[in-house]
Amino acid sequence: MDYTHGTLDEAQMLENPREQLAVWLNDARDQIEPNAMTVSTVAQNGKPSSRVVLLRGLSEAGLTFYTNYESRKGAQINATGAVCLSFWWGALERQVRIEGSIAKVSSDESDAYFASRPLESQLASAASPQSQVVTRTELEARVTALRLEYPVAVPRPAHWGGYVVAPEYMEFWQGRKARLHDRIAYSLQEGVWQRSRLAP
């Protein structure tokens, strides 16, 4: 397959890569789950692990997503404090890769987001011992018990909340004809974003 959808010129890129990402997210709004991103972490034995989550916030603080703090990714995040994120929008022939440090958001922010979720999503998050071995019967029994206890709204469990990724490196990739793809990288140097073109 030859990529011919677009081109990428560093002169046209915004100085702030977070703002550039916001533009690309908007461009991808008609795709299925345009805010889906792969989160890659590393275990203490050096083995990488990846999974897809949904971006729930983009601000000057960074990129925010929510998960179970006691999950496999939560344990690896707590051990290293670093992640890599990647977006892929096939219809646009674009991807973005982000490296940075990661930290929990405030309890108030996690509370507010959890309260905004539908009841079924609250029940699922509270009932799931994410990444642990469980049978479907056990999982559904947990949901049923919680539904009886909290028929209207579930309080946020302490093991569930948000993380914010503070980017230190962001790379924008646009597919091009004959595999001469465009890659524009932003690197944070002493608080200032430096921009450069990379070979495909």
Protein backbone atom coordinates (compact mmCIF):
# COMPACT_ATOMS: atom_id res chain seq x y z
CA MET A 1 0.00 0.00 0.00
CA ASP A 2 1.29 3.45 -0.94
CA TYR A 3 0.46 6.33 1.39
CA THR A 4 -0.74 9.38 -0.51
CA HIS A 5 -3.20 11.11 1.82
CA GLY A 6 -1.04 14.05 2.86
CA THR A 7 2.32 15.64 3.57
CA LEU A 8 3.98 17.11 6.63
CA ASP A 9 6.12 20.23 6.52
CA GLU A 10 7.81 21.42 9.71
CA ALA A 11 7.13 25.01 8.71
CA GLN A 12 3.41 24.28 8.94
CA MET A 13 3.63 22.62 12.36
CA LEU A 14 2.62 24.51 15.49
CA GLU A 15 5.36 25.44 17.95
CA ASN A 16 3.61 23.64 20.81
CA PRO A 17 3.25 19.92 20.08
CA ARG A 18 0.28 19.58 22.44
CA GLU A 19 -1.58 22.09 20.29
CA GLN A 20 -0.53 20.18 17.17
CA LEU A 21 -1.85 16.96 18.72
CA ALA A 22 -5.17 18.70 19.43
CA VAL A 23 -5.40 19.63 15.74
CA TRP A 24 -4.72 16.05 14.66
CA LEU A 25 -7.23 14.66 17.17
CA ASN A 26 -9.83 16.99 15.70
CA ASP A 27 -8.89 15.88 12.18
CA ALA A 28 -9.49 12.27 13.27
CA ARG A 29 -12.83 12.93 14.98
CA ASP A 30 -14.83 10.94 12.41
CA GLN A 31 -12.84 7.76 12.99
CA ILE A 32 -13.89 5.06 15.45
CA GLU A 33 -12.44 5.96 18.86
CA PRO A 34 -10.10 8.70 17.59
CA ASN A 35 -8.83 9.15 21.16
CA ALA A 36 -7.70 5.51 21.47
CA MET A 37 -4.01 5.34 22.31
CA THR A 38 -1.57 2.57 23.07
CA VAL A 39 0.15 2.86 26.46
CA SER A 40 3.48 1.05 26.67
CA THR A 41 5.20 0.33 29.97
CA VAL A 42 8.21 -1.68 31.05
CA ALA A 43 8.34 -4.30 33.79
CA GLN A 44 11.17 -4.51 36.30
CA ASN A 45 12.66 -7.40 34.29
CA GLY A 46 12.90 -5.07 31.28
CA LYS A 47 10.07 -6.66 29.28
CA PRO A 48 7.72 -4.19 27.57
CA SER A 49 3.94 -4.38 27.70
CA SER A 50 1.33 -2.47 25.68
CA ARG A 51 -2.44 -1.97 25.76
CA VAL A 52 -5.00 0.45 24.34
CA VAL A 53 -6.77 3.00 26.56
CA LEU A 54 -8.79 6.14 25.83
CA LEU A 55 -7.39 9.64 26.12
CA ARG A 56 -9.71 11.60 28.43
CA GLY A 57 -7.95 14.94 28.67
CA LEU A 58 -5.36 17.03 26.85
CA SER A 59 -4.00 20.15 28.53
CA GLU A 60 -0.76 21.95 29.24
CA ALA A 61 -0.28 19.48 32.11
CA GLY A 62 -0.28 16.60 29.64
CA LEU A 63 -2.42 13.69 28.46
CA THR A 64 -4.86 12.14 30.92
CA PHE A 65 -6.35 8.66 31.04
CA TYR A 66 -8.05 6.61 33.76
CA THR A 67 -7.47 3.04 34.88
CA ASN A 68 -7.10 0.63 37.78
CA TYR A 69 -4.02 1.58 39.81
CA GLU A 70 -3.58 -2.07 40.85
CA SER A 71 -3.53 -3.38 37.29
CA ARG A 72 -0.41 -4.67 35.56
CA LYS A 73 0.16 -1.32 33.89
CA GLY A 74 -0.43 0.45 37.21
CA ALA A 75 2.29 -1.60 38.89
CA GLN A 76 4.71 -0.93 36.04
CA ILE A 77 3.89 2.79 36.01
CA ASN A 78 4.48 2.99 39.75
CA ALA A 79 7.83 1.23 39.36
CA THR A 80 9.24 3.37 36.55
CA GLY A 81 7.27 6.63 36.37
CA ALA A 82 7.59 6.63 32.57
CA VAL A 83 5.49 5.54 29.59
CA CYS A 84 5.27 5.75 25.83
CA LEU A 85 1.96 6.59 24.14
CA SER A 86 1.06 6.11 20.51
CA PHE A 87 -1.90 7.04 18.33
CA TRP A 88 -2.67 5.55 14.91
CA TRP A 89 -5.26 6.97 12.52
CA GLY A 90 -5.22 4.69 9.49
CA ALA A 91 -7.66 6.67 7.35
CA LEU A 92 -5.41 9.72 7.69
CA GLU A 93 -2.17 7.71 7.38
CA ARG A 94 -0.91 9.36 10.56
CA GLN A 95 0.58 8.36 13.86
CA VAL A 96 1.89 10.18 16.92
CA ARG A 97 4.37 8.81 19.45
CA ILE A 98 4.87 10.40 22.86
CA GLU A 99 7.43 9.67 25.57
CA GLY A 100 7.19 11.19 29.01
CA SER A 101 6.88 10.96 32.76
CA ILE A 102 3.61 9.91 34.37
CA ALA A 103 1.93 10.66 37.69
CA LYS A 104 -1.48 10.25 39.29
CA VAL A 105 -3.95 13.10 38.93
CA SER A 106 -5.49 14.55 42.09
CA SER A 107 -8.14 12.61 44.01
CA ASP A 108 -10.62 15.42 43.32
CA GLU A 109 -10.04 15.09 39.55
CA SER A 110 -10.45 11.32 39.69
CA ASP A 111 -13.61 11.67 41.80
CA ALA A 112 -15.14 14.14 39.34
CA TYR A 113 -14.42 11.98 36.32
CA PHE A 114 -15.66 8.78 37.98
CA ALA A 115 -18.90 10.52 39.00
CA SER A 116 -19.45 11.62 35.38
CA ARG A 117 -19.40 8.04 34.09
CA PRO A 118 -22.56 5.99 33.44
CA LEU A 119 -23.61 3.71 36.30
CA GLU A 120 -22.73 0.58 34.31
CA SER A 121 -19.18 1.85 33.77
CA GLN A 122 -18.86 2.70 37.47
CA LEU A 123 -20.01 -0.80 38.42
CA ALA A 124 -17.60 -2.45 35.98
CA SER A 125 -14.61 -0.45 37.22
CA ALA A 126 -15.42 -1.01 40.88
CA ALA A 127 -16.07 -4.74 40.42
CA SER A 128 -13.07 -5.63 38.27
CA PRO A 129 -9.83 -6.78 39.92
CA GLN A 130 -8.10 -5.75 36.71
CA SER A 131 -5.32 -8.03 35.43
CA GLN A 132 -6.14 -10.69 38.05
CA VAL A 133 -7.38 -14.18 37.18
CA VAL A 134 -11.18 -14.31 37.51
CA THR A 135 -14.12 -16.30 36.14
CA ARG A 136 -16.97 -14.60 34.30
CA THR A 137 -19.36 -15.85 37.00
CA GLU A 138 -17.29 -14.24 39.76
CA LEU A 139 -17.09 -10.98 37.85
CA GLU A 140 -20.83 -10.80 37.22
CA ALA A 141 -21.52 -11.68 40.86
CA ARG A 142 -19.36 -8.75 41.95
CA VAL A 143 -21.33 -6.41 39.68
CA THR A 144 -24.66 -7.73 40.99
CA ALA A 145 -23.60 -7.22 44.61
CA LEU A 146 -22.41 -3.68 43.93
CA ARG A 147 -25.60 -2.85 42.04
CA LEU A 148 -27.65 -3.84 45.11
CA GLU A 149 -25.43 -1.77 47.38
CA TYR A 150 -25.23 1.26 45.05
CA PRO A 151 -28.35 1.43 42.84
CA VAL A 152 -27.80 5.06 41.78
CA ALA A 153 -24.09 5.85 41.86
CA VAL A 154 -20.95 4.02 42.95
CA PRO A 155 -18.31 5.88 44.98
CA ARG A 156 -14.91 5.88 43.30
CA PRO A 157 -12.80 2.98 44.58
CA ALA A 158 -9.40 3.96 45.95
CA HIS A 159 -7.71 1.65 43.43
CA TRP A 160 -9.15 3.49 40.42
CA GLY A 161 -8.18 6.90 39.09
CA GLY A 162 -6.37 9.00 36.57
CA TYR A 163 -2.83 9.41 35.34
CA VAL A 164 -1.39 12.38 33.48
CA VAL A 165 1.54 11.97 31.10
CA ALA A 166 3.85 14.98 30.86
CA PRO A 167 5.45 14.75 27.38
CA GLU A 168 9.19 15.11 26.94
CA TYR A 169 9.29 13.89 23.34
CA MET A 170 6.54 13.94 20.69
CA GLU A 171 6.84 12.64 17.16
CA PHE A 172 4.34 13.24 14.35
CA TRP A 173 4.38 10.80 11.41
CA GLN A 174 2.63 11.23 8.07
CA GLY A 175 2.68 8.42 5.55
CA ARG A 176 4.14 9.35 2.15
CA LYS A 177 4.51 7.75 -1.24
CA ALA A 178 7.29 5.16 -1.77
CA ARG A 179 7.91 4.94 2.00
CA LEU A 180 9.54 8.38 2.15
CA HIS A 181 7.38 9.20 5.15
CA ASP A 182 7.44 12.53 6.98
CA ARG A 183 8.55 12.48 10.63
CA ILE A 184 8.63 15.67 12.68
CA ALA A 185 9.96 15.32 16.23
CA TYR A 186 9.63 17.70 19.17
CA SER A 187 12.10 17.34 22.04
CA LEU A 188 11.77 19.30 25.29
CA GLN A 189 15.10 20.97 26.04
CA GLU A 190 15.29 23.07 29.22
CA GLY A 191 11.61 23.88 29.01
CA VAL A 192 11.64 24.76 25.29
CA TRP A 193 10.35 22.51 22.50
CA GLN A 194 12.95 21.91 19.79
CA ARG A 195 11.65 20.70 16.44
CA SER A 196 13.45 18.60 13.83
CA ARG A 197 12.83 16.33 10.86
CA LEU A 198 13.80 12.67 11.12
CA ALA A 199 14.62 10.26 8.35
CA PRO A 200 11.76 7.81 7.71
